[in-house]
C-alpha atoms as a PDB file:
ATOM      1  CA  MET A   1      22.943  -0.979 -17.233  1.00  0.00           C
ATOM      2  CA  VAL A   2      19.940  -2.990 -18.359  1.00  0.00           C
ATOM      3  CA  ARG A   3      22.277  -5.782 -19.448  1.00  0.00           C
ATOM      4  CA  LEU A   4      23.979  -5.801 -16.029  1.00  0.00           C
ATOM      5  CA  LEU A   5      20.624  -5.985 -14.257  1.00  0.00           C
ATOM      6  CA  GLN A   6      19.447  -8.804 -16.501  1.00  0.00           C
ATOM      7  CA  ILE A   7      22.537 -10.828 -15.615  1.00  0.00           C
ATOM      8  CA  GLU A   8      21.942 -10.349 -11.888  1.00  0.00           C
ATOM      9  CA  PHE A   9      18.239 -11.177 -11.944  1.00  0.00           C
ATOM     10  CA  ILE A  10      18.837 -14.298 -14.016  1.00  0.00           C
ATOM     11  CA  LYS A  11      21.329 -15.457 -11.372  1.00  0.00           C
ATOM     12  CA  LEU A  12      18.918 -14.702  -8.536  1.00  0.00           C
ATOM     13  CA  TRP A  13      15.882 -16.294 -10.186  1.00  0.00           C
ATOM     14  CA  ASN A  14      17.815 -19.470 -10.948  1.00  0.00           C
ATOM     15  CA  ASN A  15      18.735 -19.802  -7.278  1.00  0.00           C
ATOM     16  CA  ARG A  16      15.925 -21.572  -5.430  1.00  0.00           C
ATOM     17  CA  ALA A  17      16.747 -20.148  -1.989  1.00  0.00           C
ATOM     18  CA  SER A  18      16.902 -16.580  -3.298  1.00  0.00           C
ATOM     19  CA  LYS A  19      13.626 -17.047  -5.157  1.00  0.00           C
ATOM     20  CA  VAL A  20      11.870 -18.301  -1.999  1.00  0.00           C
ATOM     21  CA  LEU A  21      13.247 -15.448   0.117  1.00  0.00           C
ATOM     22  CA  ILE A  22      12.262 -12.767  -2.399  1.00  0.00           C
ATOM     23  CA  ILE A  23       8.727 -14.149  -2.740  1.00  0.00           C
ATOM     24  CA  SER A  24       8.425 -14.506   1.065  1.00  0.00           C
ATOM     25  CA  TYR A  25       9.550 -10.904   1.507  1.00  0.00           C
ATOM     26  CA  PHE A  26       6.861  -9.492  -0.744  1.00  0.00           C
ATOM     27  CA  VAL A  27       4.229 -11.797   0.755  1.00  0.00           C
ATOM     28  CA  LEU A  28       5.131 -10.402   4.177  1.00  0.00           C
ATOM     29  CA  LEU A  29       4.915  -6.838   2.882  1.00  0.00           C
ATOM     30  CA  THR A  30       1.434  -7.629   1.631  1.00  0.00           C
ATOM     31  CA  SER A  31       0.477  -9.314   4.901  1.00  0.00           C
ATOM     32  CA  ILE A  32       0.393  -5.959   6.669  1.00  0.00           C
ATOM     33  CA  ALA A  33      -3.022  -5.627   5.044  1.00  0.00           C
ATOM     34  CA  LEU A  34      -4.177  -8.534   7.225  1.00  0.00           C
ATOM     35  CA  VAL A  35      -3.728  -6.299  10.272  1.00  0.00           C
ATOM     36  CA  ALA A  36      -6.849  -4.470   9.119  1.00  0.00           C
ATOM     37  CA  ALA A  37      -8.864  -7.655   9.624  1.00  0.00           C
ATOM     38  CA  ILE A  38      -7.872  -8.149  13.275  1.00  0.00           C
ATOM     39  CA  LYS A  39     -10.968  -7.878  15.457  1.00  0.00           C
ATOM     40  CA  PHE A  40     -11.730  -8.805  19.045  1.00  0.00           C
ATOM     41  CA  ASP A  41     -15.318  -9.102  20.149  1.00  0.00           C
ATOM     42  CA  ILE A  42     -15.459 -10.414  23.725  1.00  0.00           C
ATOM     43  CA  GLY A  43     -18.734  -9.469  25.340  1.00  0.00           C
ATOM     44  CA  PRO A  44     -18.818  -5.705  25.808  1.00  0.00           C
ATOM     45  CA  VAL A  45     -15.212  -5.368  24.644  1.00  0.00           C
ATOM     46  CA  LYS A  46     -15.016  -4.706  20.926  1.00  0.00           C
ATOM     47  CA  PHE A  47     -11.715  -3.938  19.273  1.00  0.00           C
ATOM     48  CA  HIS A  48     -10.968  -3.447  15.589  1.00  0.00           C
ATOM     49  CA  LEU A  49      -7.333  -2.588  14.912  1.00  0.00           C
ATOM     50  CA  ALA A  50      -8.130  -0.642  11.747  1.00  0.00           C
ATOM     51  CA  GLU A  51     -10.418   1.646  13.751  1.00  0.00           C
ATOM     52  CA  ILE A  52      -7.761   2.957  16.140  1.00  0.00           C
ATOM     53  CA  GLY A  53      -6.283   5.104  13.392  1.00  0.00           C
ATOM     54  CA  ILE A  54      -3.195   3.244  12.173  1.00  0.00           C
ATOM     55  CA  PHE A  55      -4.478   3.396   8.591  1.00  0.00           C
ATOM     56  CA  ASN A  56      -5.448   7.055   8.664  1.00  0.00           C
ATOM     57  CA  PHE A  57      -3.750   9.391   6.216  1.00  0.00           C
ATOM     58  CA  PRO A  58      -1.097  10.701   6.608  1.00  0.00           C
ATOM     59  CA  TYR A  59      -0.143   8.574   9.653  1.00  0.00           C
ATOM     60  CA  ILE A  60      -0.202   5.381   7.553  1.00  0.00           C
ATOM     61  CA  TRP A  61       2.923   6.465   5.643  1.00  0.00           C
ATOM     62  CA  HIS A  62       4.819   6.698   8.914  1.00  0.00           C
ATOM     63  CA  PHE A  63       3.431   3.504  10.441  1.00  0.00           C
ATOM     64  CA  ASN A  64       3.757   1.224   7.414  1.00  0.00           C
ATOM     65  CA  THR A  65       7.280   2.313   6.435  1.00  0.00           C
ATOM     66  CA  PHE A  66       8.479   1.827  10.006  1.00  0.00           C
ATOM     67  CA  ILE A  67       6.934  -1.646  10.379  1.00  0.00           C
ATOM     68  CA  THR A  68       7.789  -3.009   6.931  1.00  0.00           C
ATOM     69  CA  ALA A  69      11.414  -1.880   7.268  1.00  0.00           C
ATOM     70  CA  PHE A  70      11.945  -4.782   9.675  1.00  0.00           C
ATOM     71  CA  PHE A  71      11.264  -7.239   6.837  1.00  0.00           C
ATOM     72  CA  LYS A  72      14.367  -6.004   4.987  1.00  0.00           C
ATOM     73  CA  LEU A  73      16.351  -8.811   6.640  1.00  0.00           C
ATOM     74  CA  PHE A  74      14.885 -11.215   4.068  1.00  0.00           C
ATOM     75  CA  LEU A  75      16.512  -9.292   1.232  1.00  0.00           C
ATOM     76  CA  ALA A  76      19.663  -8.857   3.316  1.00  0.00           C
ATOM     77  CA  ILE A  77      20.014 -12.649   3.260  1.00  0.00           C
ATOM     78  CA  VAL A  78      19.495 -12.621  -0.519  1.00  0.00           C
ATOM     79  CA  ILE A  79      22.193  -9.966  -0.998  1.00  0.00           C
ATOM     80  CA  VAL A  80      24.882 -11.613   1.132  1.00  0.00           C
ATOM     81  CA  SER A  81      24.012 -14.991  -0.398  1.00  0.00           C
ATOM     82  CA  MET A  82      24.269 -13.430  -3.841  1.00  0.00           C
ATOM     83  CA  MET A  83      27.886 -12.464  -3.106  1.00  0.00           C
ATOM     84  CA  ALA A  84      28.696 -15.774  -1.396  1.00  0.00           C
ATOM     85  CA  ASN A  85      27.449 -17.662  -4.450  1.00  0.00           C
ATOM     86  CA  GLU A  86      29.670 -15.551  -6.705  1.00  0.00           C
ATOM     87  CA  TYR A  87      32.703 -16.785  -4.790  1.00  0.00           C
ATOM     88  CA  SER A  88      31.628 -20.374  -4.153  1.00  0.00           C
ATOM     89  CA  ASN A  89      30.463 -20.950  -7.744  1.00  0.00           C
ATOM     90  CA  LYS A  90      33.408 -18.947  -9.142  1.00  0.00           C
ATOM     91  CA  THR A  91      31.006 -16.976 -11.338  1.00  0.00           C
ATOM     92  CA  ILE A  92      32.732 -13.756 -10.326  1.00  0.00           C
ATOM     93  CA  LYS A  93      35.965 -14.977 -11.878  1.00  0.00           C
ATOM     94  CA  GLN A  94      34.149 -16.217 -14.974  1.00  0.00           C
ATOM     95  CA  ASN A  95      32.360 -12.874 -15.405  1.00  0.00           C
ATOM     96  CA  LEU A  96      35.679 -11.046 -15.277  1.00  0.00           C
ATOM     97  CA  ILE A  97      37.206 -13.479 -17.772  1.00  0.00           C
ATOM     98  CA  ASP A  98      34.214 -12.907 -20.077  1.00  0.00           C
ATOM     99  CA  GLY A  99      35.027  -9.200 -20.202  1.00  0.00           C
ATOM    100  CA  LEU A 100      33.098  -7.694 -17.283  1.00  0.00           C
ATOM    101  CA  SER A 101      35.291  -5.166 -15.462  1.00  0.00           C
ATOM    102  CA  LYS A 102      35.408  -5.039 -11.665  1.00  0.00           C
ATOM    103  CA  LYS A 103      33.747  -1.638 -11.791  1.00  0.00           C
ATOM    104  CA  GLU A 104      30.913  -3.067 -13.899  1.00  0.00           C
ATOM    105  CA  PHE A 105      30.620  -6.009 -11.522  1.00  0.00           C
ATOM    106  CA  ILE A 106      30.146  -3.727  -8.503  1.00  0.00           C
ATOM    107  CA  LEU A 107      27.792  -1.535 -10.542  1.00  0.00           C
ATOM    108  CA  SER A 108      25.666  -4.576 -11.365  1.00  0.00           C
ATOM    109  CA  LYS A 109      25.408  -5.428  -7.657  1.00  0.00           C
ATOM    110  CA  PHE A 110      24.569  -1.844  -6.702  1.00  0.00           C
ATOM    111  CA  LEU A 111      21.907  -1.712  -9.425  1.00  0.00           C
ATOM    112  CA  THR A 112      20.427  -4.859  -7.891  1.00  0.00           C
ATOM    113  CA  VAL A 113      20.405  -3.154  -4.486  1.00  0.00           C
ATOM    114  CA  LEU A 114      18.703  -0.102  -6.002  1.00  0.00           C
ATOM    115  CA  SER A 115      16.161  -2.320  -7.770  1.00  0.00           C
ATOM    116  CA  PHE A 116      15.244  -4.100  -4.538  1.00  0.00           C
ATOM    117  CA  ALA A 117      14.830  -0.742  -2.797  1.00  0.00           C
ATOM    118  CA  VAL A 118      12.768   0.802  -5.615  1.00  0.00           C
ATOM    119  CA  ILE A 119      10.454  -2.203  -5.985  1.00  0.00           C
ATOM    120  CA  SER A 120       9.998  -2.461  -2.196  1.00  0.00           C
ATOM    121  CA  THR A 121       9.210   1.250  -1.909  1.00  0.00           C
ATOM    122  CA  ILE A 122       6.664   1.173  -4.722  1.00  0.00           C
ATOM    123  CA  PHE A 123       5.098  -1.959  -3.230  1.00  0.00           C
ATOM    124  CA  VAL A 124       4.775  -0.422   0.256  1.00  0.00           C
ATOM    125  CA  PHE A 125       3.460   2.816  -1.245  1.00  0.00           C
ATOM    126  CA  LEU A 126       0.712   0.991  -3.159  1.00  0.00           C
ATOM    127  CA  VAL A 127      -0.275  -1.261  -0.235  1.00  0.00           C
ATOM    128  CA  SER A 128      -0.406   1.769   2.092  1.00  0.00           C
ATOM    129  CA  LEU A 129      -2.402   3.805  -0.422  1.00  0.00           C
ATOM    130  CA  ILE A 130      -4.975   1.027  -0.862  1.00  0.00           C
ATOM    131  CA  LEU A 131      -5.308   0.478   2.902  1.00  0.00           C
ATOM    132  CA  GLY A 132      -5.582   4.187   3.525  1.00  0.00           C
ATOM    133  CA  LEU A 133      -8.278   4.664   0.889  1.00  0.00           C
ATOM    134  CA  ALA A 134     -10.180   1.743   2.424  1.00  0.00           C
ATOM    135  CA  TYR A 135      -9.899   2.634   6.117  1.00  0.00           C
ATOM    136  CA  SER A 136      -8.740   6.230   6.569  1.00  0.00           C
ATOM    137  CA  ASP A 137     -11.087   8.809   8.067  1.00  0.00           C
ATOM    138  CA  TYR A 138      -9.407  11.489   5.949  1.00  0.00           C
ATOM    139  CA  ASN A 139      -9.508  11.253   2.170  1.00  0.00           C
ATOM    140  CA  GLU A 140      -8.700  14.796   1.016  1.00  0.00           C
ATOM    141  CA  LEU A 141      -5.887  14.787  -1.551  1.00  0.00           C
ATOM    142  CA  SER A 142      -3.857  17.302   0.441  1.00  0.00           C
ATOM    143  CA  ILE A 143      -3.920  14.956   3.444  1.00  0.00           C
ATOM    144  CA  ILE A 144      -3.412  11.741   1.475  1.00  0.00           C
ATOM    145  CA  PHE A 145      -0.199  12.973  -0.109  1.00  0.00           C
ATOM    146  CA  SER A 146       1.269  14.723   2.920  1.00  0.00           C
ATOM    147  CA  ASP A 147       4.074  13.104   4.946  1.00  0.00           C
ATOM    148  CA  LEU A 148       5.381  11.257   1.889  1.00  0.00           C
ATOM    149  CA  GLU A 149       8.887  12.024   3.150  1.00  0.00           C
ATOM    150  CA  PHE A 150       8.538   8.800   5.146  1.00  0.00           C
ATOM    151  CA  VAL A 151       8.311   6.864   1.873  1.00  0.00           C
ATOM    152  CA  MET A 152      11.465   8.610   0.625  1.00  0.00           C
ATOM    153  CA  ALA A 153      13.197   7.851   3.931  1.00  0.00           C
ATOM    154  CA  PHE A 154      12.146   4.196   3.592  1.00  0.00           C
ATOM    155  CA  PHE A 155      13.817   4.024   0.173  1.00  0.00           C
ATOM    156  CA  ILE A 156      17.046   5.638   1.417  1.00  0.00           C
ATOM    157  CA  LYS A 157      17.051   3.387   4.465  1.00  0.00           C
ATOM    158  CA  LEU A 158      16.814   0.263   2.285  1.00  0.00           C
ATOM    159  CA  VAL A 159      19.537   1.447  -0.103  1.00  0.00           C
ATOM    160  CA  GLY A 160      21.876   2.157   2.820  1.00  0.00           C
ATOM    161  CA  PHE A 161      21.182  -1.138   4.569  1.00  0.00           C
ATOM    162  CA  PHE A 162      21.454  -3.236   1.414  1.00  0.00           C
ATOM    163  CA  SER A 163      24.728  -1.472   0.499  1.00  0.00           C
ATOM    164  CA  PHE A 164      26.082  -2.409   3.936  1.00  0.00           C
ATOM    165  CA  CYS A 165      25.029  -6.031   3.336  1.00  0.00           C
ATOM    166  CA  LEU A 166      26.690  -5.978  -0.087  1.00  0.00           C
ATOM    167  CA  PHE A 167      29.933  -4.767   1.466  1.00  0.00           C
ATOM    168  CA  LEU A 168      29.767  -7.477   4.146  1.00  0.00           C
ATOM    169  CA  GLY A 169      29.115 -10.119   1.485  1.00  0.00           C
ATOM    170  CA  ILE A 170      32.242  -9.063  -0.396  1.00  0.00           C
ATOM    171  CA  LEU A 171      34.302  -8.676   2.774  1.00  0.00           C
ATOM    172  CA  VAL A 172      33.457 -12.020   4.379  1.00  0.00           C
ATOM    173  CA  LYS A 173      32.583 -14.146   1.286  1.00  0.00           C
ATOM    174  CA  ARG A 174      30.326 -16.475   3.284  1.00  0.00           C
ATOM    175  CA  SER A 175      26.679 -15.608   3.794  1.00  0.00           C
ATOM    176  CA  ALA A 176      26.379 -17.058   7.309  1.00  0.00           C
ATOM    177  CA  PHE A 177      29.476 -15.222   8.508  1.00  0.00           C
ATOM    178  CA  ALA A 178      28.375 -11.992   6.808  1.00  0.00           C
ATOM    179  CA  LEU A 179      24.999 -12.127   8.588  1.00  0.00           C
ATOM    180  CA  GLY A 180      26.808 -12.959  11.814  1.00  0.00           C
ATOM    181  CA  PHE A 181      29.029  -9.926  11.316  1.00  0.00           C
ATOM    182  CA  LEU A 182      25.902  -7.805  10.793  1.00  0.00           C
ATOM    183  CA  ILE A 183      24.487  -8.998  14.118  1.00  0.00           C
ATOM    184  CA  ILE A 184      27.822  -8.436  15.873  1.00  0.00           C
ATOM    185  CA  TRP A 185      28.004  -4.902  14.451  1.00  0.00           C
ATOM    186  CA  GLN A 186      24.536  -4.174  15.827  1.00  0.00           C
ATOM    187  CA  ILE A 187      25.609  -5.477  19.240  1.00  0.00           C
ATOM    188  CA  LEU A 188      28.817  -3.409  19.153  1.00  0.00           C
ATOM    189  CA  GLU A 189      26.864  -0.240  18.403  1.00  0.00           C
ATOM    190  CA  GLY A 190      24.651  -1.024  21.404  1.00  0.00           C
ATOM    191  CA  ILE A 191      27.668  -1.650  23.664  1.00  0.00           C
ATOM    192  CA  PHE A 192      29.327   1.582  22.521  1.00  0.00           C
ATOM    193  CA  ARG A 193      26.121   3.515  23.224  1.00  0.00           C
ATOM    194  CA  GLY A 194      25.983   2.070  26.722  1.00  0.00           C
ATOM    195  CA  LEU A 195      29.641   2.865  27.441  1.00  0.00           C
ATOM    196  CA  ILE A 196      29.596   6.493  26.327  1.00  0.00           C
ATOM    197  CA  ARG A 197      26.243   7.049  28.067  1.00  0.00           C
ATOM    198  CA  TRP A 198      27.610   5.555  31.272  1.00  0.00           C
ATOM    199  CA  LYS A 199      31.035   7.172  31.305  1.00  0.00           C
ATOM    200  CA  LEU A 200      31.002  10.309  29.152  1.00  0.00           C
ATOM    201  CA  PHE A 201      27.784  11.974  28.018  1.00  0.00           C
ATOM    202  CA  ASP A 202      24.138  12.600  28.795  1.00  0.00           C
ATOM    203  CA  GLY A 203      21.341  10.920  26.860  1.00  0.00           C
ATOM    204  CA  ASP A 204      20.882  13.600  24.194  1.00  0.00           C
ATOM    205  CA  THR A 205      24.600  13.860  23.419  1.00  0.00           C
ATOM    206  CA  THR A 206      24.889  10.074  23.281  1.00  0.00           C
ATOM    207  CA  GLU A 207      22.036   9.809  20.786  1.00  0.00           C
ATOM    208  CA  THR A 208      23.582  12.569  18.654  1.00  0.00           C
ATOM    209  CA  ILE A 209      26.899  10.696  18.504  1.00  0.00           C
ATOM    210  CA  MET A 210      25.208   7.360  17.775  1.00  0.00           C
ATOM    211  CA  GLY A 211      23.342   9.033  14.912  1.00  0.00           C
ATOM    212  CA  PHE A 212      26.613   8.965  12.954  1.00  0.00           C
ATOM    213  CA  PHE A 213      26.952   5.177  13.183  1.00  0.00           C
ATOM    214  CA  PRO A 214      25.705   3.203  10.160  1.00  0.00           C
ATOM    215  CA  LEU A 215      22.918   1.043  11.572  1.00  0.00           C
ATOM    216  CA  GLN A 216      21.687   3.640  14.053  1.00  0.00           C
ATOM    217  CA  SER A 217      21.668   6.354  11.391  1.00  0.00           C
ATOM    218  CA  MET A 218      19.496   4.130   9.198  1.00  0.00           C
ATOM    219  CA  PHE A 219      17.138   3.426  12.090  1.00  0.00           C
ATOM    220  CA  ASN A 220      16.908   7.152  12.897  1.00  0.00           C
ATOM    221  CA  LEU A 221      15.482   7.962   9.470  1.00  0.00           C
ATOM    222  CA  ILE A 222      12.029   6.741  10.541  1.00  0.00           C
ATOM    223  CA  LYS A 223      11.267   7.183  14.237  1.00  0.00           C
ATOM    224  CA  GLU A 224       8.892   4.871  16.045  1.00  0.00           C
ATOM    225  CA  PRO A 225       5.310   5.869  15.202  1.00  0.00           C
ATOM    226  CA  ILE A 226       3.386   4.322  18.111  1.00  0.00           C
ATOM    227  CA  THR A 227       3.572   7.324  20.457  1.00  0.00           C
ATOM    228  CA  ARG A 228       2.373   9.541  17.590  1.00  0.00           C
ATOM    229  CA  LEU A 229      -0.926   7.639  17.413  1.00  0.00           C
ATOM    230  CA  GLU A 230      -3.842   9.814  18.504  1.00  0.00           C
ATOM    231  CA  SER A 231      -5.217   7.199  20.923  1.00  0.00           C
ATOM    232  CA  VAL A 232      -1.814   6.898  22.635  1.00  0.00           C
ATOM    233  CA  GLN A 233      -1.552  10.689  22.890  1.00  0.00           C
ATOM    234  CA  THR A 234      -5.029  10.786  24.455  1.00  0.00           C
ATOM    235  CA  VAL A 235      -4.162   8.157  27.074  1.00  0.00           C
ATOM    236  CA  ALA A 236      -0.942  10.006  27.894  1.00  0.00           C
ATOM    237  CA  ASP A 237      -2.877  13.250  28.412  1.00  0.00           C
ATOM    238  CA  GLN A 238      -5.340  11.488  30.704  1.00  0.00           C
ATOM    239  CA  VAL A 239      -2.562  10.234  32.983  1.00  0.00           C
ATOM    240  CA  GLY A 240      -0.837  13.590  33.040  1.00  0.00           C
ATOM    241  CA  GLU A 241       1.999  12.758  30.637  1.00  0.00           C
ATOM    242  CA  LYS A 242       2.862  14.836  27.608  1.00  0.00           C
ATOM    243  CA  ILE A 243       4.605  13.166  24.673  1.00  0.00           C
ATOM    244  CA  GLU A 244       6.675  15.711  22.787  1.00  0.00           C
ATOM    245  CA  LEU A 245       8.820  13.930  20.226  1.00  0.00           C
ATOM    246  CA  ASN A 246      10.071  15.049  16.833  1.00  0.00           C
ATOM    247  CA  TYR A 247       8.925  12.475  14.268  1.00  0.00           C
ATOM    248  CA  ASN A 248      10.091  14.386  11.187  1.00  0.00           C
ATOM    249  CA  VAL A 249      12.565  13.072   8.617  1.00  0.00           C
ATOM    250  CA  HIS A 250      15.575  15.398   8.837  1.00  0.00           C
ATOM    251  CA  TRP A 251      17.819  16.316   5.908  1.00  0.00           C
ATOM    252  CA  TYR A 252      21.017  15.755   7.897  1.00  0.00           C
ATOM    253  CA  GLU A 253      19.935  12.210   8.789  1.00  0.00           C
ATOM    254  CA  ILE A 254      19.386  11.529   5.091  1.00  0.00           C
ATOM    255  CA  LEU A 255      22.865  12.897   4.285  1.00  0.00           C
ATOM    256  CA  ILE A 256      24.476  10.643   6.902  1.00  0.00           C
ATOM    257  CA  VAL A 257      22.861   7.515   5.440  1.00  0.00           C
ATOM    258  CA  LEU A 258      23.715   8.571   1.882  1.00  0.00           C
ATOM    259  CA  GLY A 259      27.291   9.134   3.058  1.00  0.00           C
ATOM    260  CA  TRP A 260      27.483   5.622   4.499  1.00  0.00           C
ATOM    261  CA  THR A 261      25.975   4.222   1.295  1.00  0.00           C
ATOM    262  CA  ALA A 262      28.712   5.875  -0.774  1.00  0.00           C
ATOM    263  CA  ILE A 263      31.366   4.591   1.653  1.00  0.00           C
ATOM    264  CA  PHE A 264      30.081   1.006   1.512  1.00  0.00           C
ATOM    265  CA  ILE A 265      29.921   0.943  -2.287  1.00  0.00           C
ATOM    266  CA  TYR A 266      33.389   2.485  -2.591  1.00  0.00           C
ATOM    267  CA  LEU A 267      34.841   0.014  -0.057  1.00  0.00           C
ATOM    268  CA  SER A 268      33.192  -2.843  -1.930  1.00  0.00           C
ATOM    269  CA  TYR A 269      34.857  -1.748  -5.149  1.00  0.00           C
ATOM    270  CA  ALA A 270      38.217  -1.060  -3.463  1.00  0.00           C
ATOM    271  CA  LEU A 271      38.167  -4.476  -1.799  1.00  0.00           C
ATOM    272  CA  LEU A 272      37.278  -6.267  -5.029  1.00  0.00           C
ATOM    273  CA  LYS A 273      39.889  -4.303  -6.970  1.00  0.00           C
ATOM    274  CA  LYS A 274      42.604  -5.188  -4.469  1.00  0.00           C
ATOM    275  CA  ARG A 275      41.809  -8.904  -4.341  1.00  0.00           C
ATOM    276  CA  ASP A 276      43.417 -11.434  -6.624  1.00  0.00           C
ATOM    277  CA  LEU A 277      40.455 -13.439  -7.870  1.00  0.00           C
END
């Protein structure tokens, strides 16, 4: 397995575009720390973003994993490009000639996906921990290490999404078309939601059904954290509104994403096995 990973990372690091995207991705993950420095001081109005509670433990685990998950598109480009380069440079055929089986080839790609997800998760965990220790009002160990299920959900979300991108890269063979297909799939899920909500079901039933679709199931793992913020809850109470949402990470949502991950990896292998390279 180590040998397979070494092969993949050598390929990626020797590709200038992939190198730039990977570095940019981790720079952006780090840049969330800059949010702590945002201050507005206009006369009597003083606003410091870090003071409104977004870096408080355990809320920071929820907030940071939700926000940083949007940056995964950078690595999505790397993954689909990785597959496109295999076809365009004919390295996939050469690897198979050199004795790498198709199963080992797919395993090497999946190990790369897992590596991206693991490194990203550790990176976000460390950045969040440092920010929390610097700005959180609560520093008891029991509070610091509560709600870590959001970090686990972040990892599973990345693995699922990257596996989908890997499948699209193998299916389409061209990075631009694979990314276009990803966008189209997102649009189709939105259209389907609108149709069944309009013609067939109420809102709750519609959301339950959509929770079984790949992209929506991945999004559902980490719900939006803004309405959970204490200051938002306070404002809502003052205007007579009560926000009662379930922000927890649910086991069945994890199973759905893991199921899609297994499907995408299997389809990737089945597609590669069937093709005459």
